């Protein structure tokens, strides 16, 4: 597998519901080269206090930034030419991209690897954590995964820092067999 065929992606948004808009999109290739790290001004949302408390992106920070519509083709192009996209809760990020007008190839073209589930299972088993009512371990945060594998980040919930941590964890999880390419 060529590392340039792998993308690592993270987004920061105005929220988690159906009307959430993108505030930041960061994409690395499998070698860690930054392919995109951009902030976006939402088209409709004027404030996002709940999300801002987590991602620290203020309306003033994005007031003069482009809308996602101006860059959606560039993001779609990267996704069309990748074979694998990796993320921590990647299905949320892909949903947000689609919801904001970005074309995301289907599963036959683009394999999505979400590290959150496999890591949470590994961590839950090792720590002997209880299973939830559905027989699964509670999902662990990226900061827990990163710490487990020895990554020391500082700007959590900045999508660029989160993609760097995710890439580091991805290769560690491939190495230890938690994720199979």
Foldseek 3Di string as FASTA:
>chain_A
DDQQLEKEKDFQWLDQDLVIATAWIWIATLVGHTPDTFGAQEPPDQARVVSCVPQVCGNVNHVPGHHVVVCLVVVLVSQQRHAEYEYAPVVSVVVNSVSRPHDHDDCVRYPYHHPFQLVQQVVCVVVVPDAPPVRGGDTDDLVVLLVVLPHDFDNPNRGSRRSVSRSSSVVVCCVVVSDPD
